[in-house]
Amino acid sequence: MRRSRVTECMANENDYIKQLEKAIHDLHGVNAIHVGTECVSETAHGKVVWRGEVEIFTITGHPQARICYAWKYQDVPVEGFAVILGIPPVRTELDAVRAFVARRSKEQEAN
């Protein structure tokens, strides 16, 4: 029996969310529950420096954070997961993207 395209997309999305939940657990030792997705775009000096979907999770077991933001990224040839805890100054998905962009920029400058 052939799956419908909608079912395939939902299965892929569920796999993606499970991958992010595992990354959150592996990095921070906490359990995560997916609560939503937000589209985010960040610009600097008039250029888009990041655009994509940020997955939002509630987390349990962390002493400071109750929320986490995560997504998969690819910087050829590196692929990875961005996992940003909702600890001030990170209060929103945009804050999480800004923290990620700043960290990646510092890493690139160091290399």
PDB file of N, CA and C in Angstrom:
ATOM      1  N   MET A   1       0.846  -1.183   0.000  1.00  0.00           N
ATOM      2  CA  MET A   1       0.000   0.000   0.000  1.00  0.00           C
ATOM      3  C   MET A   1       0.889   1.242   0.000  1.00  0.00           C
ATOM      4  N   ARG A   2       0.579   2.175  -0.852  1.00  0.00           N
ATOM      5  CA  ARG A   2       1.366   3.397  -0.990  1.00  0.00           C
ATOM      6  C   ARG A   2       0.829   4.468  -0.046  1.00  0.00           C
ATOM      7  N   ARG A   3       1.747   5.144   0.635  1.00  0.00           N
ATOM      8  CA  ARG A   3       1.360   6.244   1.523  1.00  0.00           C
ATOM      9  C   ARG A   3       1.019   7.485   0.716  1.00  0.00           C
ATOM     10  N   SER A   4       0.153   8.293   1.249  1.00  0.00           N
ATOM     11  CA  SER A   4      -0.136   9.570   0.591  1.00  0.00           C
ATOM     12  C   SER A   4       1.008  10.532   0.867  1.00  0.00           C
ATOM     13  N   ARG A   5       1.120  11.559   0.043  1.00  0.00           N
ATOM     14  CA  ARG A   5       2.176  12.567   0.227  1.00  0.00           C
ATOM     15  C   ARG A   5       2.036  13.257   1.581  1.00  0.00           C
ATOM     16  N   VAL A   6       0.798  13.498   2.004  1.00  0.00           N
ATOM     17  CA  VAL A   6       0.563  14.143   3.299  1.00  0.00           C
ATOM     18  C   VAL A   6       1.091  13.257   4.417  1.00  0.00           C
ATOM     19  N   THR A   7       0.810  11.959   4.361  1.00  0.00           N
ATOM     20  CA  THR A   7       1.281  11.032   5.384  1.00  0.00           C
ATOM     21  C   THR A   7       2.797  10.988   5.401  1.00  0.00           C
ATOM     22  N   GLU A   8       3.431  10.995   4.218  1.00  0.00           N
ATOM     23  CA  GLU A   8       4.889  10.986   4.139  1.00  0.00           C
ATOM     24  C   GLU A   8       5.468  12.249   4.761  1.00  0.00           C
ATOM     25  N   CYS A   9       4.868  13.391   4.479  1.00  0.00           N
ATOM     26  CA  CYS A   9       5.349  14.651   5.053  1.00  0.00           C
ATOM     27  C   CYS A   9       5.220  14.633   6.570  1.00  0.00           C
ATOM     28  N   MET A  10       4.098  14.124   7.063  1.00  0.00           N
ATOM     29  CA  MET A  10       3.893  14.068   8.512  1.00  0.00           C
ATOM     30  C   MET A  10       4.896  13.123   9.157  1.00  0.00           C
ATOM     31  N   ALA A  11       5.189  11.990   8.492  1.00  0.00           N
ATOM     32  CA  ALA A  11       6.171  11.044   9.027  1.00  0.00           C
ATOM     33  C   ALA A  11       7.542  11.692   9.067  1.00  0.00           C
ATOM     34  N   ASN A  12       7.903  12.417   8.006  1.00  0.00           N
ATOM     35  CA  ASN A  12       9.197  13.114   7.975  1.00  0.00           C
ATOM     36  C   ASN A  12       9.269  14.174   9.064  1.00  0.00           C
ATOM     37  N   GLU A  13       8.174  14.904   9.266  1.00  0.00           N
ATOM     38  CA  GLU A  13       8.138  15.930  10.302  1.00  0.00           C
ATOM     39  C   GLU A  13       8.273  15.299  11.683  1.00  0.00           C
ATOM     40  N   ASN A  14       7.577  14.191  11.910  1.00  0.00           N
ATOM     41  CA  ASN A  14       7.695  13.500  13.195  1.00  0.00           C
ATOM     42  C   ASN A  14       9.119  13.015  13.436  1.00  0.00           C
ATOM     43  N   ASP A  15       9.769  12.490  12.389  1.00  0.00           N
ATOM     44  CA  ASP A  15      11.167  12.054  12.515  1.00  0.00           C
ATOM     45  C   ASP A  15      12.062  13.243  12.863  1.00  0.00           C
ATOM     46  N   TYR A  16      11.832  14.364  12.205  1.00  0.00           N
ATOM     47  CA  TYR A  16      12.613  15.576  12.446  1.00  0.00           C
ATOM     48  C   TYR A  16      12.457  16.040  13.893  1.00  0.00           C
ATOM     49  N   ILE A  17      11.239  16.075  14.392  1.00  0.00           N
ATOM     50  CA  ILE A  17      10.987  16.496  15.776  1.00  0.00           C
ATOM     51  C   ILE A  17      11.662  15.529  16.741  1.00  0.00           C
ATOM     52  N   LYS A  18      11.592  14.243  16.451  1.00  0.00           N
ATOM     53  CA  LYS A  18      12.249  13.243  17.307  1.00  0.00           C
ATOM     54  C   LYS A  18      13.766  13.432  17.306  1.00  0.00           C
ATOM     55  N   GLN A  19      14.338  13.769  16.152  1.00  0.00           N
ATOM     56  CA  GLN A  19      15.778  14.047  16.077  1.00  0.00           C
ATOM     57  C   GLN A  19      16.140  15.244  16.965  1.00  0.00           C
ATOM     58  N   LEU A  20      15.313  16.284  16.913  1.00  0.00           N
ATOM     59  CA  LEU A  20      15.573  17.466  17.732  1.00  0.00           C
ATOM     60  C   LEU A  20      15.417  17.143  19.216  1.00  0.00           C
ATOM     61  N   GLU A  21      14.390  16.375  19.569  1.00  0.00           N
ATOM     62  CA  GLU A  21      14.205  15.982  20.968  1.00  0.00           C
ATOM     63  C   GLU A  21      15.417  15.203  21.471  1.00  0.00           C
ATOM     64  N   LYS A  22      15.949  14.317  20.630  1.00  0.00           N
ATOM     65  CA  LYS A  22      17.138  13.545  21.005  1.00  0.00           C
ATOM     66  C   LYS A  22      18.348  14.462  21.170  1.00  0.00           C
ATOM     67  N   ALA A  23      18.512  15.419  20.255  1.00  0.00           N
ATOM     68  CA  ALA A  23      19.636  16.361  20.359  1.00  0.00           C
ATOM     69  C   ALA A  23      19.543  17.170  21.655  1.00  0.00           C
ATOM     70  N   ILE A  24      18.346  17.604  22.001  1.00  0.00           N
ATOM     71  CA  ILE A  24      18.141  18.363  23.249  1.00  0.00           C
ATOM     72  C   ILE A  24      18.510  17.493  24.442  1.00  0.00           C
ATOM     73  N   HIS A  25      18.043  16.249  24.427  1.00  0.00           N
ATOM     74  CA  HIS A  25      18.354  15.336  25.540  1.00  0.00           C
ATOM     75  C   HIS A  25      19.851  15.043  25.611  1.00  0.00           C
ATOM     76  N   ASP A  26      20.466  14.783  24.462  1.00  0.00           N
ATOM     77  CA  ASP A  26      21.900  14.467  24.437  1.00  0.00           C
ATOM     78  C   ASP A  26      22.747  15.635  24.933  1.00  0.00           C
ATOM     79  N   LEU A  27      22.372  16.849  24.557  1.00  0.00           N
ATOM     80  CA  LEU A  27      23.160  18.029  24.941  1.00  0.00           C
ATOM     81  C   LEU A  27      22.906  18.485  26.370  1.00  0.00           C
ATOM     82  N   HIS A  28      21.674  18.379  26.830  1.00  0.00           N
ATOM     83  CA  HIS A  28      21.320  18.978  28.116  1.00  0.00           C
ATOM     84  C   HIS A  28      20.718  18.007  29.130  1.00  0.00           C
ATOM     85  N   GLY A  29      20.502  16.755  28.731  1.00  0.00           N
ATOM     86  CA  GLY A  29      19.976  15.756  29.650  1.00  0.00           C
ATOM     87  C   GLY A  29      18.567  16.035  30.141  1.00  0.00           C
ATOM     88  N   VAL A  30      17.772  16.681  29.300  1.00  0.00           N
ATOM     89  CA  VAL A  30      16.400  17.022  29.682  1.00  0.00           C
ATOM     90  C   VAL A  30      15.414  16.426  28.686  1.00  0.00           C
ATOM     91  N   ASN A  31      14.190  16.250  29.131  1.00  0.00           N
ATOM     92  CA  ASN A  31      13.122  15.784  28.255  1.00  0.00           C
ATOM     93  C   ASN A  31      12.445  16.988  27.611  1.00  0.00           C
ATOM     94  N   ALA A  32      12.094  16.826  26.333  1.00  0.00           N
ATOM     95  CA  ALA A  32      11.513  17.929  25.575  1.00  0.00           C
ATOM     96  C   ALA A  32      10.187  17.508  24.954  1.00  0.00           C
ATOM     97  N   ILE A  33       9.246  18.447  24.944  1.00  0.00           N
ATOM     98  CA  ILE A  33       7.949  18.244  24.295  1.00  0.00           C
ATOM     99  C   ILE A  33       7.754  19.384  23.295  1.00  0.00           C
ATOM    100  N   HIS A  34       7.530  19.019  22.045  1.00  0.00           N
ATOM    101  CA  HIS A  34       7.350  20.010  20.987  1.00  0.00           C
ATOM    102  C   HIS A  34       6.029  20.747  21.178  1.00  0.00           C
ATOM    103  N   VAL A  35       6.094  22.082  21.147  1.00  0.00           N
ATOM    104  CA  VAL A  35       4.874  22.875  21.325  1.00  0.00           C
ATOM    105  C   VAL A  35       4.557  23.777  20.137  1.00  0.00           C
ATOM    106  N   GLY A  36       5.497  23.924  19.199  1.00  0.00           N
ATOM    107  CA  GLY A  36       5.188  24.772  18.064  1.00  0.00           C
ATOM    108  C   GLY A  36       6.375  25.053  17.176  1.00  0.00           C
ATOM    109  N   THR A  37       6.074  25.751  16.090  1.00  0.00           N
ATOM    110  CA  THR A  37       7.064  26.127  15.090  1.00  0.00           C
ATOM    111  C   THR A  37       6.852  27.591  14.743  1.00  0.00           C
ATOM    112  N   GLU A  38       7.931  28.334  14.654  1.00  0.00           N
ATOM    113  CA  GLU A  38       7.855  29.738  14.249  1.00  0.00           C
ATOM    114  C   GLU A  38       8.845  29.997  13.124  1.00  0.00           C
ATOM    115  N   CYS A  39       8.412  30.768  12.132  1.00  0.00           N
ATOM    116  CA  CYS A  39       9.314  31.198  11.064  1.00  0.00           C
ATOM    117  C   CYS A  39      10.055  32.438  11.544  1.00  0.00           C
ATOM    118  N   VAL A  40      11.361  32.432  11.352  1.00  0.00           N
ATOM    119  CA  VAL A  40      12.191  33.539  11.832  1.00  0.00           C
ATOM    120  C   VAL A  40      13.109  33.997  10.708  1.00  0.00           C
ATOM    121  N   SER A  41      13.301  35.285  10.621  1.00  0.00           N
ATOM    122  CA  SER A  41      14.245  35.864   9.675  1.00  0.00           C
ATOM    123  C   SER A  41      15.062  36.907  10.418  1.00  0.00           C
ATOM    124  N   GLU A  42      16.373  36.833  10.281  1.00  0.00           N
ATOM    125  CA  GLU A  42      17.263  37.783  10.938  1.00  0.00           C
ATOM    126  C   GLU A  42      18.119  38.467   9.883  1.00  0.00           C
ATOM    127  N   THR A  43      18.183  39.789   9.955  1.00  0.00           N
ATOM    128  CA  THR A  43      18.991  40.552   9.010  1.00  0.00           C
ATOM    129  C   THR A  43      20.072  41.321   9.754  1.00  0.00           C
ATOM    130  N   ALA A  44      21.137  41.585   9.032  1.00  0.00           N
ATOM    131  CA  ALA A  44      22.220  42.423   9.547  1.00  0.00           C
ATOM    132  C   ALA A  44      22.768  43.229   8.383  1.00  0.00           C
ATOM    133  N   HIS A  45      22.876  44.516   8.582  1.00  0.00           N
ATOM    134  CA  HIS A  45      23.394  45.409   7.540  1.00  0.00           C
ATOM    135  C   HIS A  45      22.611  45.262   6.234  1.00  0.00           C
ATOM    136  N   GLY A  46      21.290  45.089   6.360  1.00  0.00           N
ATOM    137  CA  GLY A  46      20.431  45.001   5.197  1.00  0.00           C
ATOM    138  C   GLY A  46      20.427  43.662   4.487  1.00  0.00           C
ATOM    139  N   LYS A  47      21.155  42.664   5.011  1.00  0.00           N
ATOM    140  CA  LYS A  47      21.205  41.345   4.389  1.00  0.00           C
ATOM    141  C   LYS A  47      20.582  40.313   5.322  1.00  0.00           C
ATOM    142  N   VAL A  48      19.898  39.360   4.729  1.00  0.00           N
ATOM    143  CA  VAL A  48      19.361  38.250   5.520  1.00  0.00           C
ATOM    144  C   VAL A  48      20.530  37.350   5.896  1.00  0.00           C
ATOM    145  N   VAL A  49      20.736  37.166   7.209  1.00  0.00           N
ATOM    146  CA  VAL A  49      21.822  36.304   7.674  1.00  0.00           C
ATOM    147  C   VAL A  49      21.314  34.947   8.136  1.00  0.00           C
ATOM    148  N   TRP A  50      20.019  34.854   8.372  1.00  0.00           N
ATOM    149  CA  TRP A  50      19.414  33.577   8.769  1.00  0.00           C
ATOM    150  C   TRP A  50      17.924  33.643   8.495  1.00  0.00           C
ATOM    151  N   ARG A  51      17.400  32.569   7.910  1.00  0.00           N
ATOM    152  CA  ARG A  51      15.959  32.473   7.693  1.00  0.00           C
ATOM    153  C   ARG A  51      15.590  31.002   7.795  1.00  0.00           C
ATOM    154  N   GLY A  52      14.566  30.711   8.575  1.00  0.00           N
ATOM    155  CA  GLY A  52      14.136  29.329   8.692  1.00  0.00           C
ATOM    156  C   GLY A  52      13.081  29.157   9.758  1.00  0.00           C
ATOM    157  N   GLU A  53      12.783  27.897  10.025  1.00  0.00           N
ATOM    158  CA  GLU A  53      11.797  27.560  11.043  1.00  0.00           C
ATOM    159  C   GLU A  53      12.498  27.139  12.321  1.00  0.00           C
ATOM    160  N   VAL A  54      12.038  27.674  13.425  1.00  0.00           N
ATOM    161  CA  VAL A  54      12.559  27.338  14.747  1.00  0.00           C
ATOM    162  C   VAL A  54      11.495  26.512  15.461  1.00  0.00           C
ATOM    163  N   GLU A  55      11.912  25.360  15.946  1.00  0.00           N
ATOM    164  CA  GLU A  55      11.001  24.504  16.706  1.00  0.00           C
ATOM    165  C   GLU A  55      11.107  24.885  18.179  1.00  0.00           C
ATOM    166  N   ILE A  56       9.959  24.940  18.824  1.00  0.00           N
ATOM    167  CA  ILE A  56       9.891  25.364  20.222  1.00  0.00           C
ATOM    168  C   ILE A  56       9.469  24.169  21.069  1.00  0.00           C
ATOM    169  N   PHE A  57      10.190  23.961  22.163  1.00  0.00           N
ATOM    170  CA  PHE A  57       9.943  22.831  23.055  1.00  0.00           C
ATOM    171  C   PHE A  57       9.832  23.313  24.488  1.00  0.00           C
ATOM    172  N   THR A  58       8.937  22.705  25.247  1.00  0.00           N
ATOM    173  CA  THR A  58       9.001  22.868  26.693  1.00  0.00           C
ATOM    174  C   THR A  58       9.935  21.768  27.178  1.00  0.00           C
ATOM    175  N   ILE A  59      10.693  22.064  28.225  1.00  0.00           N
ATOM    176  CA  ILE A  59      11.634  21.072  28.740  1.00  0.00           C
ATOM    177  C   ILE A  59      11.447  20.908  30.245  1.00  0.00           C
ATOM    178  N   THR A  60      11.756  19.712  30.705  1.00  0.00           N
ATOM    179  CA  THR A  60      11.722  19.423  32.137  1.00  0.00           C
ATOM    180  C   THR A  60      13.053  18.840  32.545  1.00  0.00           C
ATOM    181  N   GLY A  61      13.474  19.190  33.751  1.00  0.00           N
ATOM    182  CA  GLY A  61      14.704  18.644  34.284  1.00  0.00           C
ATOM    183  C   GLY A  61      15.890  19.585  34.234  1.00  0.00           C
ATOM    184  N   HIS A  62      15.708  20.780  33.723  1.00  0.00           N
ATOM    185  CA  HIS A  62      16.807  21.754  33.704  1.00  0.00           C
ATOM    186  C   HIS A  62      16.616  22.727  34.863  1.00  0.00           C
ATOM    187  N   PRO A  63      17.688  23.070  35.576  1.00  0.00           N
ATOM    188  CA  PRO A  63      17.529  23.944  36.737  1.00  0.00           C
ATOM    189  C   PRO A  63      17.117  25.382  36.422  1.00  0.00           C
ATOM    190  N   GLN A  64      17.377  25.862  35.198  1.00  0.00           N
ATOM    191  CA  GLN A  64      17.072  27.256  34.870  1.00  0.00           C
ATOM    192  C   GLN A  64      16.062  27.428  33.743  1.00  0.00           C
ATOM    193  N   ALA A  65      16.118  26.557  32.752  1.00  0.00           N
ATOM    194  CA  ALA A  65      15.297  26.748  31.556  1.00  0.00           C
ATOM    195  C   ALA A  65      14.030  25.910  31.594  1.00  0.00           C
ATOM    196  N   ARG A  66      12.954  26.451  31.051  1.00  0.00           N
ATOM    197  CA  ARG A  66      11.693  25.738  30.905  1.00  0.00           C
ATOM    198  C   ARG A  66      11.312  25.595  29.434  1.00  0.00           C
ATOM    199  N   ILE A  67      12.091  26.271  28.567  1.00  0.00           N
ATOM    200  CA  ILE A  67      11.809  26.264  27.138  1.00  0.00           C
ATOM    201  C   ILE A  67      13.130  26.141  26.384  1.00  0.00           C
ATOM    202  N   CYS A  68      13.045  25.580  25.188  1.00  0.00           N
ATOM    203  CA  CYS A  68      14.227  25.379  24.363  1.00  0.00           C
ATOM    204  C   CYS A  68      13.840  25.610  22.911  1.00  0.00           C
ATOM    205  N   TYR A  69      14.769  26.134  22.138  1.00  0.00           N
ATOM    206  CA  TYR A  69      14.567  26.387  20.714  1.00  0.00           C
ATOM    207  C   TYR A  69      15.565  25.528  19.954  1.00  0.00           C
ATOM    208  N   ALA A  70      15.116  24.904  18.873  1.00  0.00           N
ATOM    209  CA  ALA A  70      16.020  24.010  18.155  1.00  0.00           C
ATOM    210  C   ALA A  70      15.681  23.952  16.670  1.00  0.00           C
ATOM    211  N   TRP A  71      16.702  23.646  15.865  1.00  0.00           N
ATOM    212  CA  TRP A  71      16.540  23.451  14.435  1.00  0.00           C
ATOM    213  C   TRP A  71      17.787  22.765  13.904  1.00  0.00           C
ATOM    214  N   LYS A  72      17.647  22.227  12.717  1.00  0.00           N
ATOM    215  CA  LYS A  72      18.768  21.603  12.027  1.00  0.00           C
ATOM    216  C   LYS A  72      19.362  22.633  11.088  1.00  0.00           C
ATOM    217  N   TYR A  73      20.696  22.645  10.976  1.00  0.00           N
ATOM    218  CA  TYR A  73      21.337  23.582  10.059  1.00  0.00           C
ATOM    219  C   TYR A  73      22.375  22.853   9.223  1.00  0.00           C
ATOM    220  N   GLN A  74      22.732  23.466   8.122  1.00  0.00           N
ATOM    221  CA  GLN A  74      23.774  22.910   7.276  1.00  0.00           C
ATOM    222  C   GLN A  74      24.660  24.033   6.797  1.00  0.00           C
ATOM    223  N   ASP A  75      25.903  23.975   7.212  1.00  0.00           N
ATOM    224  CA  ASP A  75      26.960  24.848   6.699  1.00  0.00           C
ATOM    225  C   ASP A  75      27.910  23.910   5.975  1.00  0.00           C
ATOM    226  N   VAL A  76      27.803  23.875   4.664  1.00  0.00           N
ATOM    227  CA  VAL A  76      28.552  22.895   3.868  1.00  0.00           C
ATOM    228  C   VAL A  76      29.995  22.858   4.339  1.00  0.00           C
ATOM    229  N   PRO A  77      30.561  21.727   4.661  1.00  0.00           N
ATOM    230  CA  PRO A  77      29.979  20.387   4.627  1.00  0.00           C
ATOM    231  C   PRO A  77      29.421  19.949   5.984  1.00  0.00           C
ATOM    232  N   VAL A  78      29.322  20.855   6.931  1.00  0.00           N
ATOM    233  CA  VAL A  78      28.900  20.512   8.291  1.00  0.00           C
ATOM    234  C   VAL A  78      27.387  20.589   8.425  1.00  0.00           C
ATOM    235  N   GLU A  79      26.811  19.559   9.039  1.00  0.00           N
ATOM    236  CA  GLU A  79      25.390  19.549   9.340  1.00  0.00           C
ATOM    237  C   GLU A  79      25.261  19.330  10.841  1.00  0.00           C
ATOM    238  N   GLY A  80      24.353  20.027  11.471  1.00  0.00           N
ATOM    239  CA  GLY A  80      24.208  19.853  12.904  1.00  0.00           C
ATOM    240  C   GLY A  80      22.870  20.360  13.406  1.00  0.00           C
ATOM    241  N   PHE A  81      22.741  20.323  14.711  1.00  0.00           N
ATOM    242  CA  PHE A  81      21.528  20.801  15.362  1.00  0.00           C
ATOM    243  C   PHE A  81      21.870  21.999  16.226  1.00  0.00           C
ATOM    244  N   ALA A  82      21.086  23.037  16.088  1.00  0.00           N
ATOM    245  CA  ALA A  82      21.199  24.191  16.978  1.00  0.00           C
ATOM    246  C   ALA A  82      20.202  23.953  18.103  1.00  0.00           C
ATOM    247  N   VAL A  83      20.688  24.009  19.327  1.00  0.00           N
ATOM    248  CA  VAL A  83      19.845  23.826  20.503  1.00  0.00           C
ATOM    249  C   VAL A  83      20.155  24.981  21.446  1.00  0.00           C
ATOM    250  N   ILE A  84      19.189  25.859  21.633  1.00  0.00           N
ATOM    251  CA  ILE A  84      19.387  27.060  22.437  1.00  0.00           C
ATOM    252  C   ILE A  84      18.376  27.050  23.577  1.00  0.00           C
ATOM    253  N   LEU A  85      18.883  27.063  24.795  1.00  0.00           N
ATOM    254  CA  LEU A  85      18.003  27.094  25.964  1.00  0.00           C
ATOM    255  C   LEU A  85      17.402  28.480  26.153  1.00  0.00           C
ATOM    256  N   GLY A  86      16.194  28.516  26.634  1.00  0.00           N
ATOM    257  CA  GLY A  86      15.517  29.779  26.922  1.00  0.00           C
ATOM    258  C   GLY A  86      15.928  30.326  28.282  1.00  0.00           C
ATOM    259  N   ILE A  87      17.173  30.765  28.362  1.00  0.00           N
ATOM    260  CA  ILE A  87      17.715  31.379  29.571  1.00  0.00           C
ATOM    261  C   ILE A  87      18.081  32.808  29.200  1.00  0.00           C
ATOM    262  N   PRO A  88      17.606  33.823  29.959  1.00  0.00           N
ATOM    263  CA  PRO A  88      17.901  35.213  29.596  1.00  0.00           C
ATOM    264  C   PRO A  88      19.392  35.411  29.322  1.00  0.00           C
ATOM    265  N   PRO A  89      19.684  36.111  28.221  1.00  0.00           N
ATOM    266  CA  PRO A  89      18.820  37.026  27.469  1.00  0.00           C
ATOM    267  C   PRO A  89      17.957  36.361  26.397  1.00  0.00           C
ATOM    268  N   VAL A  90      18.012  35.037  26.239  1.00  0.00           N
ATOM    269  CA  VAL A  90      17.188  34.356  25.240  1.00  0.00           C
ATOM    270  C   VAL A  90      15.784  34.155  25.802  1.00  0.00           C
ATOM    271  N   ARG A  91      14.839  34.908  25.230  1.00  0.00           N
ATOM    272  CA  ARG A  91      13.442  34.835  25.674  1.00  0.00           C
ATOM    273  C   ARG A  91      12.485  34.454  24.549  1.00  0.00           C
ATOM    274  N   THR A  92      12.953  34.549  23.299  1.00  0.00           N
ATOM    275  CA  THR A  92      12.101  34.277  22.143  1.00  0.00           C
ATOM    276  C   THR A  92      12.891  33.475  21.115  1.00  0.00           C
ATOM    277  N   GLU A  93      12.169  32.994  20.115  1.00  0.00           N
ATOM    278  CA  GLU A  93      12.845  32.272  19.034  1.00  0.00           C
ATOM    279  C   GLU A  93      13.798  33.190  18.271  1.00  0.00           C
ATOM    280  N   LEU A  94      13.468  34.466  18.127  1.00  0.00           N
ATOM    281  CA  LEU A  94      14.382  35.404  17.472  1.00  0.00           C
ATOM    282  C   LEU A  94      15.649  35.581  18.304  1.00  0.00           C
ATOM    283  N   ASP A  95      15.518  35.682  19.613  1.00  0.00           N
ATOM    284  CA  ASP A  95      16.695  35.754  20.484  1.00  0.00           C
ATOM    285  C   ASP A  95      17.584  34.524  20.301  1.00  0.00           C
ATOM    286  N   ALA A  96      16.950  33.352  20.163  1.00  0.00           N
ATOM    287  CA  ALA A  96      17.708  32.105  19.982  1.00  0.00           C
ATOM    288  C   ALA A  96      18.495  32.144  18.673  1.00  0.00           C
ATOM    289  N   VAL A  97      17.865  32.615  17.609  1.00  0.00           N
ATOM    290  CA  VAL A  97      18.551  32.727  16.319  1.00  0.00           C
ATOM    291  C   VAL A  97      19.702  33.714  16.430  1.00  0.00           C
ATOM    292  N   ARG A  98      19.468  34.841  17.070  1.00  0.00           N
ATOM    293  CA  ARG A  98      20.532  35.840  17.225  1.00  0.00           C
ATOM    294  C   ARG A  98      21.715  35.272  18.013  1.00  0.00           C
ATOM    295  N   ALA A  99      21.436  34.506  19.069  1.00  0.00           N
ATOM    296  CA  ALA A  99      22.508  33.879  19.853  1.00  0.00           C
ATOM    297  C   ALA A  99      23.288  32.891  18.993  1.00  0.00           C
ATOM    298  N   PHE A 100      22.576  32.107  18.176  1.00  0.00           N
ATOM    299  CA  PHE A 100      23.214  31.139  17.297  1.00  0.00           C
ATOM    300  C   PHE A 100      24.092  31.842  16.264  1.00  0.00           C
ATOM    301  N   VAL A 101      23.560  32.874  15.619  1.00  0.00           N
ATOM    302  CA  VAL A 101      24.312  33.616  14.595  1.00  0.00           C
ATOM    303  C   VAL A 101      25.564  34.234  15.207  1.00  0.00           C
ATOM    304  N   ALA A 102      25.438  34.810  16.385  1.00  0.00           N
ATOM    305  CA  ALA A 102      26.595  35.425  17.047  1.00  0.00           C
ATOM    306  C   ALA A 102      27.649  34.376  17.380  1.00  0.00           C
ATOM    307  N   ARG A 103      27.215  33.217  17.895  1.00  0.00           N
ATOM    308  CA  ARG A 103      28.168  32.155  18.232  1.00  0.00           C
ATOM    309  C   ARG A 103      28.872  31.639  16.990  1.00  0.00           C
ATOM    310  N   ARG A 104      28.123  31.423  15.911  1.00  0.00           N
ATOM    311  CA  ARG A 104      28.731  30.928  14.661  1.00  0.00           C
ATOM    312  C   ARG A 104      29.716  31.948  14.100  1.00  0.00           C
ATOM    313  N   SER A 105      29.387  33.221  14.215  1.00  0.00           N
ATOM    314  CA  SER A 105      30.268  34.275  13.733  1.00  0.00           C
ATOM    315  C   SER A 105      31.586  34.267  14.506  1.00  0.00           C
ATOM    316  N   LYS A 106      31.507  34.117  15.834  1.00  0.00           N
ATOM    317  CA  LYS A 106      32.712  34.062  16.654  1.00  0.00           C
ATOM    318  C   LYS A 106      33.546  32.832  16.324  1.00  0.00           C
ATOM    319  N   GLU A 107      32.880  31.690  16.097  1.00  0.00           N
ATOM    320  CA  GLU A 107      33.592  30.461  15.742  1.00  0.00           C
ATOM    321  C   GLU A 107      34.322  30.625  14.413  1.00  0.00           C
ATOM    322  N   GLN A 108      33.694  31.267  13.448  1.00  0.00           N
ATOM    323  CA  GLN A 108      34.314  31.476  12.139  1.00  0.00           C
ATOM    324  C   GLN A 108      35.490  32.426  12.238  1.00  0.00           C
ATOM    325  N   GLU A 109      35.374  33.463  13.078  1.00  0.00           N
ATOM    326  CA  GLU A 109      36.475  34.400  13.267  1.00  0.00           C
ATOM    327  C   GLU A 109      37.676  33.724  13.920  1.00  0.00           C
ATOM    328  N   ALA A 110      37.405  32.784  14.812  1.00  0.00           N
ATOM    329  CA  ALA A 110      38.483  32.076  15.513  1.00  0.00           C
ATOM    330  C   ALA A 110      39.236  31.127  14.595  1.00  0.00           C
ATOM    331  N   ASN A 111      38.585  30.685  13.526  1.00  0.00           N
ATOM    332  CA  ASN A 111      39.236  29.733  12.597  1.00  0.00           C
ATOM    333  C   ASN A 111      39.910  30.463  11.537  1.00  0.00           C
TER     334      ASN A 111
END
